Protein backbone atom coordinates (compact mmCIF):
# COMPACT_ATOMS: atom_id res chain seq x y z
CA MET A 1 75.81 81.48 133.65
CA SER A 2 75.22 77.98 132.28
CA THR A 3 72.48 75.99 133.94
CA HIS A 4 73.43 72.82 132.06
CA ASP A 5 76.73 71.41 130.89
CA VAL A 6 75.45 70.45 127.44
CA LEU A 7 72.49 71.40 125.29
CA VAL A 8 71.70 68.75 122.67
CA ARG A 9 69.58 70.13 119.84
CA GLY A 10 67.66 67.32 118.16
CA ALA A 11 65.88 64.18 119.37
CA GLY A 12 66.65 61.83 116.50
CA VAL A 13 68.93 58.84 116.88
CA ALA A 14 72.14 60.90 116.93
CA GLY A 15 70.76 63.43 119.39
CA LEU A 16 69.32 60.84 121.75
CA CYS A 17 72.54 58.81 121.71
CA THR A 18 74.56 61.96 122.40
CA ALA A 19 72.38 62.82 125.39
CA LEU A 20 72.69 59.32 126.80
CA ALA A 21 76.44 59.05 126.19
CA LEU A 22 77.25 62.38 127.82
CA SER A 23 74.87 61.85 130.73
CA ARG A 24 76.78 58.66 131.54
CA GLN A 25 79.77 60.90 132.27
CA GLY A 26 77.73 62.75 134.89
CA LEU A 27 77.25 65.80 132.68
CA GLY A 28 73.98 67.68 132.97
CA VAL A 29 72.34 67.43 129.55
CA ALA A 30 69.40 69.48 128.30
CA LEU A 31 67.66 67.80 125.36
CA LEU A 32 65.76 70.05 122.96
CA GLY A 33 63.43 68.09 120.69
CA SER A 34 60.15 66.23 120.73
CA LEU A 35 60.01 62.90 122.56
CA ALA A 36 56.47 62.20 121.37
CA GLU A 37 55.63 59.16 119.26
CA PRO A 38 55.57 60.14 115.55
CA ALA A 39 52.10 60.28 114.01
CA GLN A 40 53.09 58.48 110.82
CA ALA A 41 54.44 54.96 110.40
CA ASP A 42 58.17 54.81 109.75
CA VAL A 43 59.18 52.28 107.08
CA ARG A 44 62.91 53.01 107.30
CA ALA A 45 65.45 50.43 108.39
CA TYR A 46 69.05 51.02 109.45
CA ALA A 47 72.04 48.82 108.62
CA LEU A 48 74.23 49.01 111.72
CA ASN A 49 77.85 47.95 111.86
CA ALA A 50 79.66 46.41 114.82
CA ALA A 51 80.85 49.76 116.16
CA SER A 52 77.31 51.19 116.18
CA VAL A 53 75.93 48.10 117.92
CA GLN A 54 78.67 48.35 120.55
CA LEU A 55 77.71 51.97 121.26
CA LEU A 56 74.06 50.99 121.68
CA ARG A 57 75.11 48.17 124.02
CA THR A 58 77.14 50.64 126.09
CA LEU A 59 74.09 52.91 126.30
CA LYS A 60 71.98 49.91 127.49
CA VAL A 61 69.65 50.29 124.51
CA TRP A 62 70.53 47.36 122.26
CA ASP A 63 69.07 44.66 124.49
CA ALA A 64 65.91 46.73 124.96
CA LEU A 65 65.01 46.31 121.28
CA PRO A 66 62.35 43.68 120.52
CA ALA A 67 63.87 40.55 119.02
CA ASP A 68 62.02 40.95 115.72
CA ALA A 69 63.17 44.58 115.38
CA ARG A 70 66.82 43.60 114.82
CA THR A 71 67.92 40.98 112.33
CA PRO A 72 71.50 39.81 111.74
CA VAL A 73 72.96 39.79 108.25
CA HIS A 74 75.00 36.62 107.77
CA GLU A 75 75.61 36.93 104.05
CA MET A 76 75.49 39.60 101.39
CA HIS A 77 75.18 39.20 97.62
CA VAL A 78 75.93 42.20 95.40
CA GLU A 79 75.28 42.08 91.65
CA GLY A 80 76.48 44.39 88.90
CA ASP A 81 74.72 45.07 85.64
CA ALA A 82 76.36 42.32 83.57
CA PRO A 83 75.76 38.55 83.73
CA GLY A 84 77.97 36.90 86.34
CA ALA A 85 79.28 40.16 87.78
CA ALA A 86 78.82 39.73 91.52
CA ILE A 87 80.55 39.67 94.87
CA ASP A 88 79.55 37.69 97.96
CA PHE A 89 80.34 38.32 101.60
CA SER A 90 79.94 35.73 104.33
CA ALA A 91 80.18 36.22 108.09
CA TRP A 92 81.35 32.63 108.42
CA GLN A 93 84.21 33.16 105.97
CA GLN A 94 85.23 36.31 107.82
CA SER A 95 85.06 34.54 111.23
CA LEU A 96 82.32 36.91 112.37
CA ALA A 97 79.01 36.31 114.11
CA GLU A 98 77.32 38.60 111.59
CA LEU A 99 78.23 41.14 108.92
CA ALA A 100 75.76 43.74 110.16
CA TRP A 101 72.37 44.16 111.81
CA ILE A 102 69.24 45.51 110.14
CA VAL A 103 67.21 47.48 112.68
CA ASP A 104 63.68 48.83 112.59
CA ALA A 105 64.11 52.63 112.70
CA ALA A 106 60.93 53.32 114.67
CA GLU A 107 61.77 50.74 117.35
CA LEU A 108 65.30 52.05 117.75
CA GLU A 109 64.06 55.59 118.27
CA ARG A 110 61.36 54.32 120.64
CA ALA A 111 63.96 52.47 122.74
CA LEU A 112 66.21 55.54 122.83
CA ARG A 113 63.36 57.82 123.90
CA ALA A 114 62.48 55.41 126.70
CA ALA A 115 66.11 55.31 127.86
CA VAL A 116 66.33 59.11 127.88
CA LYS A 117 63.24 59.39 130.06
CA PHE A 118 64.99 57.32 132.73
CA ALA A 119 68.44 58.90 132.38
CA PRO A 120 69.10 60.82 135.63
CA HIS A 121 71.18 63.60 134.09
CA VAL A 122 69.04 64.32 131.00
CA THR A 123 66.39 67.05 131.16
CA PRO A 124 63.99 67.53 128.23
CA VAL A 125 63.49 71.24 127.52
CA ALA A 126 60.98 73.08 125.34
CA ALA A 127 63.35 75.91 124.41
CA ALA A 128 67.08 76.49 124.24
CA VAL A 129 68.79 76.96 127.60
CA PRO A 130 72.29 78.22 128.47
CA ALA A 131 74.96 75.52 128.33
CA ALA A 132 78.74 75.32 128.09
CA LEU A 133 78.45 73.24 124.92
CA GLN A 134 75.77 72.96 122.26
CA VAL A 135 75.65 69.74 120.23
CA LEU A 136 73.78 70.24 116.97
CA ALA A 137 72.04 66.98 116.04
CA GLU A 138 69.09 68.53 114.22
CA GLY A 139 69.56 66.61 110.99
CA LYS A 140 70.41 67.73 107.48
CA ALA A 141 68.02 70.70 107.63
CA SER A 142 69.52 72.07 110.86
CA ALA A 143 68.32 75.64 111.41
CA THR A 144 70.84 76.37 114.16
CA ARG A 145 73.70 75.44 111.86
CA GLU A 146 72.57 78.17 109.49
CA THR A 147 72.48 80.81 112.25
CA LEU A 148 76.09 79.97 113.13
CA GLY A 149 77.15 80.71 109.57
CA VAL A 150 78.14 77.14 108.79
CA ARG A 151 77.84 76.41 105.09
CA MET A 152 76.63 72.99 103.98
CA GLN A 153 78.46 72.09 100.81
CA ALA A 154 75.82 69.99 99.08
CA HIS A 155 75.45 68.19 95.78
CA ALA A 156 72.02 66.89 94.76
CA TYR A 157 72.21 63.54 93.00
CA GLY A 158 68.94 63.95 91.13
CA GLN A 159 67.92 60.69 92.79
CA THR A 160 65.22 59.73 95.26
CA ALA A 161 65.18 56.78 97.66
CA VAL A 162 62.00 54.72 97.76
CA ALA A 163 61.57 52.62 100.90
CA ALA A 164 59.02 50.02 101.94
CA ARG A 165 58.56 46.88 103.99
CA LEU A 166 58.02 43.64 102.11
CA HIS A 167 56.98 40.05 102.66
CA SER A 168 58.56 37.25 100.65
CA ASP A 169 57.28 33.72 100.14
CA ARG A 170 60.91 32.63 100.58
CA ALA A 171 62.79 32.81 103.90
CA HIS A 172 65.49 35.49 103.83
CA GLY A 173 68.03 33.36 105.72
CA GLY A 174 69.90 36.43 106.90
CA LEU A 175 70.93 37.28 103.32
CA ALA A 176 71.07 40.90 102.14
CA ARG A 177 70.88 41.51 98.40
CA GLN A 178 71.90 44.52 96.39
CA TRP A 179 71.79 45.33 92.69
CA PHE A 180 74.06 48.06 91.27
CA ARG A 181 72.63 48.97 87.90
CA CYS A 182 72.35 51.94 85.63
CA PRO A 183 70.50 54.08 86.62
CA ASP A 184 69.25 52.54 89.90
CA VAL A 185 70.55 50.82 93.04
CA LEU A 186 68.18 48.36 94.73
CA ALA A 187 68.69 46.78 98.15
CA LEU A 188 66.66 44.10 99.94
CA LEU A 189 67.63 43.84 103.60
CA PRO A 190 66.50 41.01 105.90
CA LEU A 191 64.25 42.29 108.70
CA ASP A 192 61.93 40.08 110.72
CA ARG A 193 59.27 42.75 110.70
CA PRO A 194 56.58 42.46 109.49
CA SER A 195 56.97 38.69 109.11
CA LEU A 196 59.41 36.51 111.06
CA GLY A 197 61.98 35.04 108.71
CA HIS A 198 60.22 36.39 105.63
CA GLY A 199 60.37 40.17 106.07
CA LEU A 200 62.52 42.49 103.97
CA ALA A 201 63.29 46.20 103.97
CA LEU A 202 63.46 47.80 100.54
CA VAL A 203 65.67 50.78 99.68
CA TRP A 204 65.49 51.60 95.98
CA SER A 205 67.53 54.59 94.77
CA LEU A 206 66.21 55.91 91.47
CA PRO A 207 66.38 59.01 89.29
CA ASP A 208 63.82 61.51 90.57
CA GLU A 209 61.39 60.98 87.71
CA GLY A 210 61.50 57.19 88.01
CA ALA A 211 60.97 57.36 91.77
CA ALA A 212 57.99 59.69 91.34
CA THR A 213 56.48 57.28 88.84
CA ARG A 214 56.88 54.35 91.21
CA MET A 215 55.46 56.26 94.15
CA ALA A 216 52.38 57.11 92.07
CA LEU A 217 51.71 53.47 91.15
CA SER A 218 49.07 51.40 92.89
CA ASP A 219 50.36 48.80 95.33
CA ALA A 220 49.60 46.06 92.82
CA ASP A 221 51.44 47.75 89.96
CA PHE A 222 54.41 48.67 92.17
CA THR A 223 54.67 45.06 93.30
CA VAL A 224 54.73 43.82 89.72
CA LEU A 225 57.49 46.27 88.85
CA LEU A 226 59.50 45.35 91.95
CA ASN A 227 59.28 41.61 91.29
CA ASP A 228 60.38 42.22 87.72
CA ALA A 229 63.37 44.27 88.95
CA THR A 230 64.51 41.54 91.36
CA GLY A 231 63.79 38.67 88.97
CA GLY A 232 62.53 36.38 91.72
CA ALA A 233 65.97 36.18 93.34
CA ALA A 234 64.48 36.84 96.79
CA GLY A 235 61.20 35.04 96.11
CA THR A 236 57.83 36.56 95.28
CA LEU A 237 57.56 39.92 97.01
CA THR A 238 54.46 41.69 98.31
CA LEU A 239 54.11 45.07 99.98
CA ALA A 240 53.53 44.93 103.73
CA GLY A 241 52.79 48.61 104.33
CA PRO A 242 53.09 52.10 102.87
CA ARG A 243 55.93 53.44 100.75
CA ALA A 244 58.08 56.43 101.62
CA SER A 245 60.58 58.49 99.65
CA TRP A 246 63.19 61.19 100.16
CA PRO A 247 65.70 63.05 97.94
CA LEU A 248 69.35 61.99 97.96
CA ARG A 249 72.38 64.20 98.12
CA LEU A 250 76.00 64.39 99.20
CA ALA A 251 76.72 67.09 101.78
CA GLN A 252 79.46 68.14 104.17
CA ALA A 253 79.52 71.07 106.59
CA ASP A 254 82.48 73.38 106.02
CA ARG A 255 83.04 73.51 109.79
CA LEU A 256 82.29 70.87 112.42
CA TYR A 257 82.86 73.01 115.50
CA GLY A 258 83.24 76.50 116.88
CA PRO A 259 83.37 78.20 120.27
CA GLY A 260 80.83 76.34 122.39
CA TRP A 261 79.26 74.26 119.62
CA VAL A 262 79.81 71.09 117.58
CA LEU A 263 77.97 69.20 114.82
CA VAL A 264 77.12 65.49 114.77
CA GLY A 265 75.19 63.19 112.44
CA ASP A 266 73.29 64.48 109.42
CA ALA A 267 73.78 68.05 110.60
CA ALA A 268 77.46 67.52 109.80
CA HIS A 269 77.41 65.21 106.78
CA VAL A 270 75.09 63.30 104.45
CA VAL A 271 76.09 60.41 102.16
CA HIS A 272 74.28 58.26 99.62
CA PRO A 273 72.53 55.27 101.26
CA LEU A 274 73.94 52.71 98.81
CA ALA A 275 76.48 51.51 101.41
CA GLY A 276 74.10 51.83 104.37
CA GLN A 277 76.65 53.90 106.32
CA GLY A 278 74.83 57.16 107.02
CA LEU A 279 73.73 56.41 110.58
CA ASN A 280 76.95 54.53 111.30
CA LEU A 281 78.89 57.71 110.55
CA GLY A 282 76.58 59.66 112.87
CA LEU A 283 76.93 57.17 115.71
CA ALA A 284 80.70 57.21 115.26
CA ASP A 285 80.49 61.00 115.69
CA VAL A 286 78.71 60.46 119.00
CA ALA A 287 81.22 57.88 120.22
CA VAL A 288 84.25 60.02 119.35
CA LEU A 289 82.74 63.19 120.84
CA ALA A 290 82.00 61.34 124.09
CA GLU A 291 85.58 59.99 124.19
CA VAL A 292 87.11 63.41 123.55
CA LEU A 293 85.02 65.11 126.24
CA ALA A 294 85.71 62.33 128.75
CA ALA A 295 89.48 62.65 128.18
CA ARG A 296 89.63 66.45 128.43
CA GLU A 297 91.90 68.16 130.92
CA SER A 298 90.13 68.99 134.18
CA TRP A 299 90.69 72.72 133.64
CA ARG A 300 89.48 72.81 130.03
CA PRO A 301 85.85 73.96 129.43
CA LEU A 302 83.51 71.73 127.45
CA GLY A 303 83.08 74.37 124.75
CA ASP A 304 86.80 75.02 124.29
CA GLU A 305 87.66 75.18 120.58
CA LYS A 306 90.96 73.32 120.94
CA LEU A 307 89.12 70.50 122.69
CA LEU A 308 86.45 70.32 120.00
CA SER A 309 89.10 70.41 117.27
CA ARG A 310 90.27 67.02 118.53
CA TYR A 311 86.86 65.62 117.71
CA ALA A 312 86.86 67.23 114.27
CA ARG A 313 90.30 65.88 113.40
CA GLN A 314 89.27 62.33 114.29
CA ARG A 315 86.05 62.47 112.28
CA LEU A 316 87.09 64.36 109.16
CA GLY A 317 89.10 61.53 107.60
CA PRO A 318 86.59 58.69 108.03
CA VAL A 319 83.66 60.85 106.90
CA GLN A 320 85.45 62.11 103.80
CA ALA A 321 86.63 58.59 102.95
CA MET A 322 83.10 57.19 103.13
CA ALA A 323 81.76 60.10 101.10
CA ARG A 324 84.34 59.40 98.39
CA VAL A 325 83.51 55.69 98.36
CA THR A 326 79.75 56.13 98.09
CA ASP A 327 80.00 58.97 95.59
CA GLY A 328 82.53 57.08 93.50
CA LEU A 329 80.48 53.89 93.43
CA LEU A 330 77.36 55.79 92.46
CA HIS A 331 79.03 57.57 89.57
CA LEU A 332 80.83 54.43 88.46
CA PHE A 333 77.61 52.44 88.17
CA ALA A 334 75.63 55.38 86.81
CA SER A 335 77.82 55.60 83.74
CA GLU A 336 76.64 54.05 80.48
CA GLN A 337 80.09 54.16 78.89
CA PRO A 338 80.90 50.63 77.64
CA LEU A 339 84.48 50.70 78.97
CA LEU A 340 83.44 51.77 82.47
CA LYS A 341 80.65 49.22 82.47
CA GLU A 342 83.11 46.45 81.62
CA LEU A 343 85.65 47.65 84.20
CA ARG A 344 83.15 47.90 87.07
CA ASN A 345 81.70 44.47 86.43
CA ARG A 346 85.12 42.89 85.99
CA GLY A 347 86.12 44.58 89.24
CA LEU A 348 83.25 42.99 91.13
CA SER A 349 84.11 39.54 89.82
CA LEU A 350 87.83 40.03 90.54
CA ALA A 351 87.20 41.24 94.10
CA ASN A 352 85.03 38.20 94.68
CA ARG A 353 88.07 35.99 94.03
CA LEU A 354 90.38 37.89 96.39
CA PRO A 355 89.66 36.97 100.06
CA PRO A 356 92.13 39.53 101.52
CA LEU A 357 90.37 42.35 99.66
CA LYS A 358 86.97 41.10 100.84
CA ARG A 359 88.25 41.03 104.43
CA LEU A 360 89.46 44.62 104.04
CA LEU A 361 86.12 45.76 102.65
CA THR A 362 84.25 43.96 105.42
CA GLY A 363 86.47 45.47 108.10
CA GLN A 364 85.86 48.98 106.81
CA ALA A 365 82.10 48.41 106.66
CA LEU A 366 82.10 47.14 110.24
CA GLY A 367 83.68 50.34 111.51
CA GLY A 368 87.39 49.61 111.29
């Protein structure tokens, strides 16, 4: 007999948000995963869209974040790999308060862990317990997913993301910059940590060998290479902490649900970070799952397959669409064919002159 309504496996952002969202419905949630502070510094930063921010507001977590741990993006400048090939996005032109928010990953997880500790219907557990529904939020290396026979259809890109925190001698002004080049994609995201108004989060996607070379460089040599790659567009950059790296791949679980279980977040899908949508997809999973469970018929069990199929149907389309977009962009800009190079750069410049198209792109990035 179940002692809890839901067992959430995983205490990352997706798992913690799932526990909080379902506990707000009065469901008894067992949370399996460590709530201890990580031993190593986390240099990651998340780009959150409006839908993700709204979920965090609903969970009473957004306002708990320190002011310097969340920075609004008011403008975005994206360059291709030909002179003059660029597209600009402006919150003001789109009649928005901001295009996105850049959030310190460690602070977000810290705020979520604190919220869980005070949630009346969430019980941390050290081992799996019986529950009507298991939510697998264990990340891309989910062990439970494997035991259920779910196959993760994965494609390794042969690329590695290099991340770091930076300081610039020039104020960021809420401007995010991104360079799509062959063979790398480089993003500088405004984040007021470690320096108010002058902090940046780096995400540099590179072929594996190039990433390994950069990770092996001294801080001084890495900084020289980085400043050369950005050409001074964001000012003179200096490292403000350690570097981190992780391999990149495209992956999708062949099933999102089964009798008494469901997948969310990276346990269900992984996309390239070039569009900054990985966590947004995971948080959308959480929001839709919570909505589906809240709207279920009173007689229908939480682990009912027909109920969980409603969640899967709502998530399959948006996830596959984002996977196609990120994968397509990566392959388009990874090609050295002269014709494709000309087409992609012309496309950027053309899109920059079409406000309706820019509004469409912005709306999709903001979660609909």
